[in-house]
Protein backbone atom coordinates (compact mmCIF):
# COMPACT_ATOMS: atom_id res chain seq x y z
CA UNK A 1 216.28 98.80 231.14
CA UNK A 2 216.67 95.30 232.53
CA UNK A 3 219.70 95.85 234.76
CA UNK A 4 220.37 92.15 235.02
CA UNK A 5 221.14 91.92 231.30
CA UNK A 6 221.16 95.03 229.22
CA UNK A 7 223.45 97.79 230.40
CA UNK A 8 226.98 98.27 229.14
CA UNK A 9 229.72 99.30 231.57
CA UNK A 10 232.21 101.65 229.90
CA UNK A 11 235.84 101.08 230.83
CA UNK A 12 236.04 104.74 231.86
CA UNK A 13 233.70 104.00 234.78
CA UNK A 14 235.92 101.29 236.29
CA UNK A 15 237.71 102.47 239.43
CA UNK A 16 241.34 101.62 238.73
CA UNK A 17 242.83 102.59 242.09
CA UNK A 18 241.74 103.48 245.64
CA UNK A 19 240.25 106.97 246.08
CA UNK A 20 243.32 107.88 248.15
CA UNK A 21 245.38 107.55 244.95
CA UNK A 22 242.97 109.97 243.28
CA UNK A 23 243.61 112.60 245.94
CA UNK A 24 240.56 111.80 248.06
CA UNK A 25 240.03 110.38 251.53
CA UNK A 26 238.63 106.88 251.99
CA UNK A 27 235.21 108.36 252.61
CA UNK A 28 235.59 110.79 249.70
CA UNK A 29 233.66 108.59 247.26
CA UNK A 30 230.22 109.40 245.92
CA UNK A 31 226.96 107.97 247.25
CA UNK A 32 223.93 107.38 245.03
CA UNK A 33 220.70 106.99 247.02
CA UNK A 34 217.51 105.32 245.82
CA UNK A 35 214.33 105.42 247.91
CA UNK A 36 211.67 102.83 247.24
CA UNK A 37 208.87 104.76 248.96
CA UNK A 38 208.80 107.54 246.36
CA UNK A 39 211.12 106.24 243.65
CA UNK A 40 213.47 109.18 244.11
CA UNK A 41 217.16 108.99 243.21
CA UNK A 42 219.58 111.54 244.71
CA UNK A 43 223.31 112.26 244.66
CA UNK A 44 225.53 112.70 247.71
CA UNK A 45 229.02 112.28 249.07
CA UNK A 46 229.67 109.28 251.30
CA UNK A 47 230.31 111.67 254.18
CA UNK A 48 226.59 112.57 254.05
CA UNK A 49 225.65 109.09 255.28
CA UNK A 50 224.91 110.12 258.91
CA UNK A 51 222.43 112.72 257.64
CA UNK A 52 220.69 110.14 255.44
CA UNK A 53 220.04 107.75 258.33
CA UNK A 54 217.84 108.22 261.38
CA UNK A 55 218.45 107.69 265.09
CA UNK A 56 217.58 104.10 265.89
CA UNK A 57 218.59 102.78 262.47
CA UNK A 58 220.89 99.76 262.61
CA UNK A 59 223.89 99.23 260.33
CA UNK A 60 225.02 95.59 260.13
CA UNK A 61 228.66 95.33 259.02
CA UNK A 62 230.92 92.48 257.92
CA UNK A 63 234.04 92.08 260.10
CA UNK A 64 235.85 89.73 257.71
CA UNK A 65 239.48 90.63 257.06
CA UNK A 66 240.87 90.38 253.53
CA UNK A 67 243.56 87.78 252.90
CA UNK A 68 246.42 88.27 250.42
CA UNK A 69 244.88 85.33 248.61
CA UNK A 70 246.74 85.38 245.27
CA UNK A 71 250.06 83.61 244.81
CA UNK A 72 251.78 84.37 241.51
CA UNK A 73 253.97 81.95 239.62
CA UNK A 74 255.76 82.56 236.32
CA UNK A 75 252.80 81.90 234.02
CA UNK A 76 249.81 81.36 236.26
CA UNK A 77 248.43 82.70 239.51
CA UNK A 78 246.68 80.64 242.18
CA UNK A 79 243.74 82.34 243.85
CA UNK A 80 242.93 80.67 247.17
CA UNK A 81 239.17 80.87 247.71
CA UNK A 82 237.85 79.08 250.80
CA UNK A 83 238.55 76.03 252.93
CA UNK A 84 236.05 73.20 252.69
CA UNK A 85 233.31 72.33 255.18
CA UNK A 86 234.74 69.78 257.58
CA UNK A 87 238.18 70.09 256.01
CA UNK A 88 241.55 70.98 257.45
CA UNK A 89 243.81 74.05 257.24
CA UNK A 90 245.57 72.83 254.11
CA UNK A 91 242.75 71.81 251.77
CA UNK A 92 241.06 74.71 249.98
CA UNK A 93 239.20 75.53 246.84
CA UNK A 94 241.50 77.37 244.44
CA UNK A 95 241.18 79.00 241.05
CA UNK A 96 244.01 78.79 238.53
CA UNK A 97 244.39 81.90 236.37
CA UNK A 98 246.72 82.58 233.46
CA UNK A 99 248.75 85.75 233.94
CA UNK A 100 248.01 88.16 231.10
CA UNK A 101 249.62 91.59 231.07
CA UNK A 102 248.73 93.40 234.28
CA UNK A 103 245.79 91.11 235.01
CA UNK A 104 244.79 87.48 234.62
CA UNK A 105 242.23 85.31 232.87
CA UNK A 106 240.75 81.88 233.62
CA UNK A 107 243.16 78.99 233.06
CA UNK A 108 241.49 75.76 232.00
CA UNK A 109 244.55 73.55 232.36
CA UNK A 110 245.48 71.27 235.22
CA UNK A 111 244.70 67.62 235.93
CA UNK A 112 243.85 65.59 239.05
CA UNK A 113 246.97 64.58 240.92
CA UNK A 114 249.11 67.30 239.35
CA UNK A 115 251.36 69.10 241.78
CA UNK A 116 252.41 72.70 241.35
CA UNK A 117 255.67 74.05 242.86
CA UNK A 118 254.92 77.14 244.91
CA UNK A 119 257.14 79.94 246.29
CA UNK A 120 258.89 79.19 249.58
CA UNK A 121 259.34 75.49 248.83
CA UNK A 122 255.66 74.55 249.20
CA UNK A 123 253.70 72.40 246.75
CA UNK A 124 250.04 72.50 245.76
CA UNK A 125 248.39 69.24 244.71
CA UNK A 126 245.24 69.39 242.58
CA UNK A 127 242.74 66.79 243.81
CA UNK A 128 239.62 67.20 241.66
CA UNK A 129 237.58 69.86 239.92
CA UNK A 130 234.93 71.33 242.16
CA UNK A 131 233.29 73.51 239.50
CA UNK A 132 234.28 74.47 236.00
CA UNK A 133 236.82 76.98 237.33
CA UNK A 134 237.57 75.85 240.91
CA UNK A 135 239.80 72.99 242.05
CA UNK A 136 239.86 71.18 245.36
CA UNK A 137 243.54 71.31 246.20
CA UNK A 138 245.91 70.64 249.09
CA UNK A 139 248.86 72.83 250.04
CA UNK A 140 251.83 71.20 251.79
CA UNK A 141 251.52 73.69 254.69
CA UNK A 142 248.72 75.60 256.43
CA UNK A 143 247.18 77.99 253.92
CA UNK A 144 246.56 81.21 255.87
CA UNK A 145 250.07 81.61 257.36
CA UNK A 146 251.48 80.74 253.94
CA UNK A 147 249.40 83.44 252.24
CA UNK A 148 250.56 86.03 254.75
CA UNK A 149 254.16 85.26 253.75
CA UNK A 150 253.81 84.78 249.99
CA UNK A 151 250.45 86.12 248.85
CA UNK A 152 249.22 89.43 247.49
CA UNK A 153 245.64 90.70 247.35
CA UNK A 154 243.57 89.44 244.45
CA UNK A 155 243.16 92.05 241.76
CA UNK A 156 241.66 91.99 238.29
CA UNK A 157 242.67 93.70 235.07
CA UNK A 158 240.85 96.97 235.69
CA UNK A 159 243.17 97.65 238.68
CA UNK A 160 246.41 98.54 236.96
CA UNK A 161 248.92 98.00 239.77
CA UNK A 162 249.32 96.19 243.07
CA UNK A 163 248.18 97.82 246.29
CA UNK A 164 249.17 96.65 249.77
CA UNK A 165 246.85 94.43 251.75
CA UNK A 166 246.02 97.41 253.98
CA UNK A 167 244.26 99.03 251.01
CA UNK A 168 241.84 96.07 251.03
CA UNK A 169 241.05 96.08 254.75
CA UNK A 170 237.98 97.81 256.14
CA UNK A 171 237.82 99.65 259.45
CA UNK A 172 235.60 96.80 260.69
CA UNK A 173 238.05 93.96 259.98
CA UNK A 174 238.68 92.13 263.23
CA UNK A 175 240.25 88.65 263.43
CA UNK A 176 243.27 88.73 261.11
CA UNK A 177 244.04 85.04 261.78
CA UNK A 178 241.53 84.17 259.06
CA UNK A 179 239.59 86.07 256.44
CA UNK A 180 238.12 86.06 252.96
CA UNK A 181 239.61 86.06 249.49
CA UNK A 182 237.82 89.26 248.49
CA UNK A 183 237.25 92.50 250.40
CA UNK A 184 233.75 93.20 251.80
CA UNK A 185 234.04 96.41 249.82
CA UNK A 186 230.86 98.17 250.94
CA UNK A 187 232.63 98.78 254.25
CA UNK A 188 235.77 100.25 252.72
CA UNK A 189 234.75 103.95 252.73
CA UNK A 190 234.01 103.96 256.47
CA UNK A 191 236.57 105.70 258.67
CA UNK A 192 236.74 105.83 262.48
CA UNK A 193 235.65 109.46 262.32
CA UNK A 194 232.60 108.64 260.20
CA UNK A 195 231.63 105.77 262.50
CA UNK A 196 231.86 108.18 265.44
CA UNK A 197 229.53 110.61 263.67
CA UNK A 198 227.05 107.81 262.99
CA UNK A 199 227.05 106.65 266.60
CA UNK A 200 226.73 110.24 267.83
CA UNK A 201 223.61 110.58 265.70
CA UNK A 202 222.10 107.52 267.35
CA UNK A 203 222.75 105.05 264.54
CA UNK A 204 223.55 101.58 265.88
CA UNK A 205 226.32 99.38 264.44
CA UNK A 206 226.55 95.60 264.90
CA UNK A 207 228.71 92.85 263.31
CA UNK A 208 228.33 89.67 261.36
CA UNK A 209 231.11 87.77 259.60
CA UNK A 210 231.06 86.22 256.14
CA UNK A 211 234.33 85.23 254.49
CA UNK A 212 233.92 85.60 250.74
CA UNK A 213 235.49 83.30 248.19
CA UNK A 214 236.94 84.38 244.86
CA UNK A 215 234.65 86.36 242.59
CA UNK A 216 233.81 85.29 239.05
CA UNK A 217 234.18 88.42 236.92
CA UNK A 218 234.02 86.44 233.68
CA UNK A 219 231.36 83.83 234.49
CA UNK A 220 229.07 85.82 236.84
CA UNK A 221 228.42 82.66 238.82
CA UNK A 222 226.30 82.65 241.96
CA UNK A 223 228.20 82.34 245.24
CA UNK A 224 229.07 78.89 246.57
CA UNK A 225 229.35 77.78 250.22
CA UNK A 226 231.05 80.41 252.37
CA UNK A 227 231.79 80.61 256.10
CA UNK A 228 229.61 82.91 258.17
CA UNK A 229 228.66 83.78 261.74
CA UNK A 230 225.76 85.79 263.15
CA UNK A 231 226.47 86.43 266.85
CA UNK A 232 223.78 86.21 269.51
CA UNK A 233 223.99 89.95 270.26
CA UNK A 234 223.52 90.84 266.58
CA UNK A 235 220.53 88.53 266.19
CA UNK A 236 218.90 90.06 269.27
CA UNK A 237 219.60 93.63 268.14
CA UNK A 238 218.18 93.03 264.65
CA UNK A 239 214.99 91.70 266.23
CA UNK A 240 214.81 94.59 268.71
CA UNK A 241 215.22 97.28 266.05
CA UNK A 242 212.64 95.74 263.75
CA UNK A 243 210.17 95.23 266.59
CA UNK A 244 210.43 98.95 267.40
CA UNK A 245 209.92 100.02 263.82
CA UNK A 246 213.54 100.94 263.10
CA UNK A 247 215.37 100.20 259.88
CA UNK A 248 218.01 97.50 259.47
CA UNK A 249 220.54 98.51 256.80
CA UNK A 250 223.01 95.90 255.56
CA UNK A 251 226.50 97.14 254.69
CA UNK A 252 227.19 94.87 251.74
CA UNK A 253 225.54 91.93 250.03
CA UNK A 254 227.55 89.54 252.22
CA UNK A 255 225.67 90.84 255.27
CA UNK A 256 222.32 90.17 253.62
CA UNK A 257 223.42 86.65 252.78
CA UNK A 258 224.49 85.95 256.37
CA UNK A 259 221.31 87.38 257.91
CA UNK A 260 219.01 85.59 255.48
CA UNK A 261 220.81 82.34 256.26
CA UNK A 262 220.18 82.93 259.98
CA UNK A 263 216.46 83.70 259.48
CA UNK A 264 214.27 80.88 260.78
CA UNK A 265 211.02 82.03 259.22
CA UNK A 266 210.20 84.42 262.06
CA UNK A 267 213.39 86.03 263.37
CA UNK A 268 217.14 86.15 262.88
CA UNK A 269 218.79 83.60 265.18
CA UNK A 270 222.42 83.28 266.21
CA UNK A 271 224.11 80.79 263.92
CA UNK A 272 227.38 79.93 262.25
CA UNK A 273 228.67 77.53 259.65
CA UNK A 274 228.49 77.49 255.87
CA UNK A 275 225.88 79.16 253.73
CA UNK A 276 224.78 78.36 250.19
CA UNK A 277 221.87 80.81 250.34
CA UNK A 278 221.25 82.90 247.22
CA UNK A 279 218.85 85.85 247.51
CA UNK A 280 216.45 86.25 244.58
CA UNK A 281 213.35 88.37 243.98
CA UNK A 282 211.28 85.19 244.08
CA UNK A 283 212.56 84.20 247.52
CA UNK A 284 212.57 87.76 248.84
CA UNK A 285 214.43 89.44 251.70
CA UNK A 286 213.12 89.07 255.25
CA UNK A 287 215.81 90.53 257.50
CA UNK A 288 216.86 93.97 256.21
CA UNK A 289 215.09 97.12 255.11
CA UNK A 290 217.89 98.67 253.11
CA UNK A 291 221.32 98.01 251.64
CA UNK A 292 224.55 99.95 251.25
CA UNK A 293 226.58 98.39 248.46
CA UNK A 294 228.90 99.05 245.57
CA UNK A 295 227.86 99.18 241.94
CA UNK A 296 227.71 95.73 240.41
CA UNK A 297 228.55 94.53 236.93
CA UNK A 298 225.88 93.65 234.36
CA UNK A 299 224.64 90.06 234.73
CA UNK A 300 226.12 89.82 238.23
CA UNK A 301 224.15 87.52 240.55
CA UNK A 302 224.25 90.33 243.13
CA UNK A 303 221.74 92.25 241.03
CA UNK A 304 219.10 89.65 241.88
CA UNK A 305 219.52 90.54 245.55
CA UNK A 306 219.37 94.27 244.82
CA UNK A 307 216.20 93.76 242.82
CA UNK A 308 214.67 91.85 245.73
CA UNK A 309 215.39 94.78 248.05
CA UNK A 310 214.74 97.78 245.80
CA UNK A 311 212.40 96.47 243.13
CA UNK A 312 213.32 96.32 239.46
CA UNK A 313 211.99 99.78 238.54
CA UNK A 314 213.96 101.68 241.17
CA UNK A 315 217.06 99.60 240.51
CA UNK A 316 216.85 100.42 236.81
CA UNK A 317 216.58 104.13 237.64
CA UNK A 318 219.53 103.95 240.05
CA UNK A 319 221.81 102.27 237.53
CA UNK A 320 220.72 104.60 234.73
CA UNK A 321 221.63 107.55 236.98
CA UNK A 322 224.97 105.98 237.92
CA UNK A 323 225.89 105.56 234.26
CA UNK A 324 224.68 109.02 233.27
CA UNK A 325 226.50 110.78 236.12
CA UNK A 326 229.81 108.93 235.81
CA UNK A 327 229.81 106.93 239.05
CA UNK A 328 232.71 104.50 239.43
CA UNK A 329 232.30 100.73 239.69
CA UNK A 330 234.15 97.93 241.54
CA UNK A 331 235.79 97.65 244.95
CA UNK A 332 237.49 101.06 244.88
CA UNK A 333 234.50 102.84 243.39
CA UNK A 334 231.41 104.69 244.55
CA UNK A 335 228.56 103.45 246.73
CA UNK A 336 224.83 102.95 246.37
CA UNK A 337 222.36 103.21 249.28
CA UNK A 338 218.96 101.59 248.76
CA UNK A 339 216.38 102.72 251.32
CA UNK A 340 212.78 101.58 251.84
């Protein structure tokens, strides 16, 4: 099976609410493990993670907070994605979506110079199309404080009702004065108690930040420029662990993207700014040995990264097992750990 193209995702395998609404704890999701060394695929609970890692392994986590980045009007919703490099606090990329039932779909309307009345007396002016679905637009007030007053978390049709912003925050989220449009969902199942168990076992944890823009569930587009930071301490620790033969495990595809952006051909270096880096099997992965991630949709660009880390054969086996055993997809679903 070519996982990039050929598998069908049944609607029954879409996680429609957080595990807490299904009577489970945050860390009560399932964990599907694939090991490249022997091609083995095994089934676990997420709470088994400390036993699956070794002392001296390093988990790199994304500390981005999740913004309530959707503002709903009568007929459309505005999804605020990211500010622009060198821009100000009012000019962002936005996606316009037509409200449809309990979800939304891409809205192809709009014209340059059009202004849209927003809740709270604000206005949004469309400047120019940035891509086929994204507009460069200017809000009449600073975006992040406005979203905290009038926004709700972005959700798509498979999530049947609204959940509070707290349901989209990970235990690692730090600076709430900014954030990303989408949750770094690989970190969602972690709890303070599980992190304590990991640290007690000798597993190291270190942060990066990458603020994600809006996803493209219909178009499966590759990511566009997003803000990131790899701190000096994280860069040094990644180098130290790898020099000593330990394993660096990224918690989420956003972490891989940040670390690969900070790789100078020899080592990870402290850096910050905007990244357009896309990980592919042809380019390869140079900074991590494994990846903890959710289950991704068919034709998603993320599957190129997973193939670069796991290899196409193991990835095909992992996704075949996930489908056969009823694992749940999307941000509230189950997790997949790819080990070397």
